[in-house]
């Protein structure tokens, strides 16, 4: 991390580990709202459609409330998106959602987008079945790879 890093919202931090207000990033992570749904680390193809762009990427993790999509293409938090998620062996999940987190390539982490599902239109049962079966196979699954969505 450089001494003068730029955050996603354009603010500059002046020291490693500190944001523009001088708070540690670890404190910021601790203040995040607790995740409502358990996440499963799984790679699936996923499209996010917005009026200005369509983004394709591979999921990092998925839960009933959202997903994290690995992509370097930017989409700002707050953007409403149509999510099309291809689950292996099941019907696609189609949902309305909102980008709630963006990790830029400059942040040092792998870039991607956290998306919260607002309404699942198609494939809700497929999503529940997939997550249930995956959690049964991997009972030690946790939020270690998860981000802010859902």
C-alpha atoms as a PDB file:
ATOM      1  CA  UNK A   1       0.000   0.000   0.000  1.00  0.00           C
ATOM      2  CA  UNK A   2       1.365   3.425  -0.856  1.00  0.00           C
ATOM      3  CA  UNK A   3       1.537   6.316   1.583  1.00  0.00           C
ATOM      4  CA  UNK A   4      -1.059   8.175  -0.483  1.00  0.00           C
ATOM      5  CA  UNK A   5      -3.719   5.596  -1.469  1.00  0.00           C
ATOM      6  CA  UNK A   6      -6.950   6.518  -3.192  1.00  0.00           C
ATOM      7  CA  UNK A   7     -10.168   5.013  -1.890  1.00  0.00           C
ATOM      8  CA  UNK A   8     -13.079   4.001  -4.083  1.00  0.00           C
ATOM      9  CA  UNK A   9     -15.033   7.132  -3.183  1.00  0.00           C
ATOM     10  CA  UNK A  10     -12.140   9.342  -4.310  1.00  0.00           C
ATOM     11  CA  UNK A  11     -10.938  10.293  -0.828  1.00  0.00           C
ATOM     12  CA  UNK A  12      -7.249   9.983  -0.101  1.00  0.00           C
ATOM     13  CA  UNK A  13      -5.715   8.306   2.909  1.00  0.00           C
ATOM     14  CA  UNK A  14      -2.420   9.648   4.162  1.00  0.00           C
ATOM     15  CA  UNK A  15      -1.000   6.618   5.947  1.00  0.00           C
ATOM     16  CA  UNK A  16      -1.076   2.866   5.462  1.00  0.00           C
ATOM     17  CA  UNK A  17      -4.035   1.294   7.267  1.00  0.00           C
ATOM     18  CA  UNK A  18      -5.830   4.630   7.742  1.00  0.00           C
ATOM     19  CA  UNK A  19      -8.707   6.116   5.815  1.00  0.00           C
ATOM     20  CA  UNK A  20      -9.187   9.822   5.058  1.00  0.00           C
ATOM     21  CA  UNK A  21     -10.645  10.396   8.541  1.00  0.00           C
ATOM     22  CA  UNK A  22      -7.645   8.756  10.213  1.00  0.00           C
ATOM     23  CA  UNK A  23      -9.639   5.668  11.285  1.00  0.00           C
ATOM     24  CA  UNK A  24      -8.060   2.279  10.870  1.00  0.00           C
ATOM     25  CA  UNK A  25      -9.518   0.105   8.136  1.00  0.00           C
ATOM     26  CA  UNK A  26      -9.780  -2.748  10.624  1.00  0.00           C
ATOM     27  CA  UNK A  27     -12.138  -0.602  12.733  1.00  0.00           C
ATOM     28  CA  UNK A  28     -14.201   0.043   9.610  1.00  0.00           C
ATOM     29  CA  UNK A  29     -14.453  -3.681   8.932  1.00  0.00           C
ATOM     30  CA  UNK A  30     -15.572  -4.287  12.509  1.00  0.00           C
ATOM     31  CA  UNK A  31     -18.368  -1.729  12.064  1.00  0.00           C
ATOM     32  CA  UNK A  32     -19.793  -3.516   9.038  1.00  0.00           C
ATOM     33  CA  UNK A  33     -23.219  -4.965   9.505  1.00  0.00           C
ATOM     34  CA  UNK A  34     -23.219  -8.690  10.269  1.00  0.00           C
ATOM     35  CA  UNK A  35     -24.001 -10.918   7.311  1.00  0.00           C
ATOM     36  CA  UNK A  36     -27.569 -12.211   7.353  1.00  0.00           C
ATOM     37  CA  UNK A  37     -26.919 -15.363   5.287  1.00  0.00           C
ATOM     38  CA  UNK A  38     -24.065 -17.844   5.275  1.00  0.00           C
ATOM     39  CA  UNK A  39     -21.850 -17.748   2.180  1.00  0.00           C
ATOM     40  CA  UNK A  40     -20.462 -20.613   0.101  1.00  0.00           C
ATOM     41  CA  UNK A  41     -17.175 -20.223  -1.762  1.00  0.00           C
ATOM     42  CA  UNK A  42     -18.043 -21.312  -5.301  1.00  0.00           C
ATOM     43  CA  UNK A  43     -17.139 -20.315  -8.846  1.00  0.00           C
ATOM     44  CA  UNK A  44     -20.082 -19.818 -11.186  1.00  0.00           C
ATOM     45  CA  UNK A  45     -20.571 -17.665 -14.271  1.00  0.00           C
ATOM     46  CA  UNK A  46     -22.588 -14.538 -13.551  1.00  0.00           C
ATOM     47  CA  UNK A  47     -23.849 -11.536 -15.528  1.00  0.00           C
ATOM     48  CA  UNK A  48     -24.785  -8.173 -14.066  1.00  0.00           C
ATOM     49  CA  UNK A  49     -26.893  -6.064 -16.405  1.00  0.00           C
ATOM     50  CA  UNK A  50     -27.404  -2.345 -16.008  1.00  0.00           C
ATOM     51  CA  UNK A  51     -28.782   0.207 -18.455  1.00  0.00           C
ATOM     52  CA  UNK A  52     -25.235   1.356 -19.290  1.00  0.00           C
ATOM     53  CA  UNK A  53     -23.310  -1.936 -19.231  1.00  0.00           C
ATOM     54  CA  UNK A  54     -23.299  -5.696 -18.880  1.00  0.00           C
ATOM     55  CA  UNK A  55     -20.546  -7.189 -16.751  1.00  0.00           C
ATOM     56  CA  UNK A  56     -19.570 -10.865 -16.798  1.00  0.00           C
ATOM     57  CA  UNK A  57     -17.463 -12.444 -14.119  1.00  0.00           C
ATOM     58  CA  UNK A  58     -16.944 -15.468 -11.922  1.00  0.00           C
ATOM     59  CA  UNK A  59     -18.397 -15.603  -8.432  1.00  0.00           C
ATOM     60  CA  UNK A  60     -16.134 -15.868  -5.408  1.00  0.00           C
ATOM     61  CA  UNK A  61     -18.957 -16.732  -3.054  1.00  0.00           C
ATOM     62  CA  UNK A  62     -22.736 -16.919  -3.031  1.00  0.00           C
ATOM     63  CA  UNK A  63     -25.371 -16.739  -0.311  1.00  0.00           C
ATOM     64  CA  UNK A  64     -29.157 -16.391  -0.185  1.00  0.00           C
ATOM     65  CA  UNK A  65     -28.716 -12.646   0.137  1.00  0.00           C
ATOM     66  CA  UNK A  66     -26.134 -11.941  -2.548  1.00  0.00           C
ATOM     67  CA  UNK A  67     -22.768 -12.723  -4.057  1.00  0.00           C
ATOM     68  CA  UNK A  68     -19.293 -11.408  -4.688  1.00  0.00           C
ATOM     69  CA  UNK A  69     -18.280 -11.292  -8.352  1.00  0.00           C
ATOM     70  CA  UNK A  70     -14.639 -11.254  -9.426  1.00  0.00           C
ATOM     71  CA  UNK A  71     -14.277  -8.570 -12.097  1.00  0.00           C
ATOM     72  CA  UNK A  72     -12.047  -5.590 -12.794  1.00  0.00           C
ATOM     73  CA  UNK A  73     -14.838  -3.727 -14.593  1.00  0.00           C
ATOM     74  CA  UNK A  74     -16.163  -0.913 -12.424  1.00  0.00           C
ATOM     75  CA  UNK A  75     -19.754  -0.514 -11.328  1.00  0.00           C
ATOM     76  CA  UNK A  76     -20.499   1.975  -8.553  1.00  0.00           C
ATOM     77  CA  UNK A  77     -22.143   0.995  -5.277  1.00  0.00           C
ATOM     78  CA  UNK A  78     -25.846   1.834  -5.366  1.00  0.00           C
ATOM     79  CA  UNK A  79     -26.299   0.768  -8.998  1.00  0.00           C
ATOM     80  CA  UNK A  80     -29.382  -1.416  -9.551  1.00  0.00           C
ATOM     81  CA  UNK A  81     -28.592  -4.538 -11.589  1.00  0.00           C
ATOM     82  CA  UNK A  82     -30.236  -7.602 -13.074  1.00  0.00           C
ATOM     83  CA  UNK A  83     -28.300 -10.675 -11.934  1.00  0.00           C
ATOM     84  CA  UNK A  84     -28.156 -13.859 -14.004  1.00  0.00           C
ATOM     85  CA  UNK A  85     -26.320 -16.609 -12.150  1.00  0.00           C
ATOM     86  CA  UNK A  86     -25.488 -19.974 -13.752  1.00  0.00           C
ATOM     87  CA  UNK A  87     -25.526 -22.714 -11.116  1.00  0.00           C
ATOM     88  CA  UNK A  88     -23.991 -26.055 -12.134  1.00  0.00           C
ATOM     89  CA  UNK A  89     -26.717 -28.519 -13.145  1.00  0.00           C
ATOM     90  CA  UNK A  90     -29.610 -26.248 -12.132  1.00  0.00           C
ATOM     91  CA  UNK A  91     -31.780 -23.599 -13.732  1.00  0.00           C
ATOM     92  CA  UNK A  92     -30.237 -20.111 -13.766  1.00  0.00           C
ATOM     93  CA  UNK A  93     -31.045 -17.689 -10.992  1.00  0.00           C
ATOM     94  CA  UNK A  94     -32.415 -14.350 -12.180  1.00  0.00           C
ATOM     95  CA  UNK A  95     -32.677 -11.601  -9.594  1.00  0.00           C
ATOM     96  CA  UNK A  96     -32.859  -7.860  -9.135  1.00  0.00           C
ATOM     97  CA  UNK A  97     -30.053  -6.586  -6.993  1.00  0.00           C
ATOM     98  CA  UNK A  98     -27.858  -3.707  -6.040  1.00  0.00           C
ATOM     99  CA  UNK A  99     -24.096  -3.275  -6.071  1.00  0.00           C
ATOM    100  CA  UNK A 100     -23.190  -2.675  -2.427  1.00  0.00           C
ATOM    101  CA  UNK A 101     -19.403  -2.889  -2.582  1.00  0.00           C
ATOM    102  CA  UNK A 102     -16.682  -2.359  -5.139  1.00  0.00           C
ATOM    103  CA  UNK A 103     -13.106  -3.501  -4.666  1.00  0.00           C
ATOM    104  CA  UNK A 104     -10.932  -1.685  -7.183  1.00  0.00           C
ATOM    105  CA  UNK A 105      -7.711  -3.172  -8.565  1.00  0.00           C
ATOM    106  CA  UNK A 106      -5.765  -0.382  -6.822  1.00  0.00           C
ATOM    107  CA  UNK A 107      -7.064  -1.492  -3.396  1.00  0.00           C
ATOM    108  CA  UNK A 108      -4.532  -4.330  -3.293  1.00  0.00           C
ATOM    109  CA  UNK A 109      -7.222  -7.021  -3.029  1.00  0.00           C
ATOM    110  CA  UNK A 110      -8.584  -8.916  -5.979  1.00  0.00           C
ATOM    111  CA  UNK A 111     -11.047  -6.636  -7.755  1.00  0.00           C
ATOM    112  CA  UNK A 112     -14.762  -7.337  -7.732  1.00  0.00           C
ATOM    113  CA  UNK A 113     -18.303  -6.342  -6.865  1.00  0.00           C
ATOM    114  CA  UNK A 114     -20.461  -7.248  -3.896  1.00  0.00           C
ATOM    115  CA  UNK A 115     -24.106  -7.543  -4.939  1.00  0.00           C
ATOM    116  CA  UNK A 116     -27.135  -7.799  -2.662  1.00  0.00           C
ATOM    117  CA  UNK A 117     -30.178  -9.669  -3.970  1.00  0.00           C
ATOM    118  CA  UNK A 118     -33.307  -7.546  -3.543  1.00  0.00           C
ATOM    119  CA  UNK A 119     -35.705  -9.948  -5.271  1.00  0.00           C
ATOM    120  CA  UNK A 120     -35.147 -13.355  -6.870  1.00  0.00           C
ATOM    121  CA  UNK A 121     -37.494 -13.681  -9.869  1.00  0.00           C
ATOM    122  CA  UNK A 122     -36.443 -17.099 -11.206  1.00  0.00           C
ATOM    123  CA  UNK A 123     -34.474 -19.923  -9.627  1.00  0.00           C
ATOM    124  CA  UNK A 124     -35.047 -19.255  -5.927  1.00  0.00           C
ATOM    125  CA  UNK A 125     -35.549 -22.965  -5.300  1.00  0.00           C
ATOM    126  CA  UNK A 126     -32.443 -23.791  -7.358  1.00  0.00           C
ATOM    127  CA  UNK A 127     -30.430 -21.340  -5.267  1.00  0.00           C
ATOM    128  CA  UNK A 128     -31.725 -22.822  -1.994  1.00  0.00           C
ATOM    129  CA  UNK A 129     -31.080 -26.387  -3.191  1.00  0.00           C
ATOM    130  CA  UNK A 130     -27.588 -25.537  -4.446  1.00  0.00           C
ATOM    131  CA  UNK A 131     -26.607 -23.765  -1.242  1.00  0.00           C
ATOM    132  CA  UNK A 132     -28.104 -26.507   0.923  1.00  0.00           C
ATOM    133  CA  UNK A 133     -26.258 -29.267  -0.917  1.00  0.00           C
ATOM    134  CA  UNK A 134     -23.009 -27.303  -0.955  1.00  0.00           C
ATOM    135  CA  UNK A 135     -23.208 -26.570   2.763  1.00  0.00           C
ATOM    136  CA  UNK A 136     -23.844 -30.269   3.466  1.00  0.00           C
ATOM    137  CA  UNK A 137     -20.708 -31.162   1.485  1.00  0.00           C
ATOM    138  CA  UNK A 138     -18.625 -28.468   3.249  1.00  0.00           C
ATOM    139  CA  UNK A 139     -19.870 -28.036   6.839  1.00  0.00           C
ATOM    140  CA  UNK A 140     -16.801 -25.922   7.692  1.00  0.00           C
ATOM    141  CA  UNK A 141     -17.747 -23.267   5.120  1.00  0.00           C
ATOM    142  CA  UNK A 142     -17.496 -19.779   6.605  1.00  0.00           C
ATOM    143  CA  UNK A 143     -17.347 -16.130   5.609  1.00  0.00           C
ATOM    144  CA  UNK A 144     -13.566 -16.040   5.187  1.00  0.00           C
ATOM    145  CA  UNK A 145     -13.772 -15.219   1.486  1.00  0.00           C
ATOM    146  CA  UNK A 146     -16.923 -13.156   1.699  1.00  0.00           C
ATOM    147  CA  UNK A 147     -17.362  -9.469   1.221  1.00  0.00           C
ATOM    148  CA  UNK A 148     -20.157  -7.034   1.960  1.00  0.00           C
ATOM    149  CA  UNK A 149     -23.072  -8.200  -0.109  1.00  0.00           C
ATOM    150  CA  UNK A 150     -25.973 -10.047   1.492  1.00  0.00           C
END
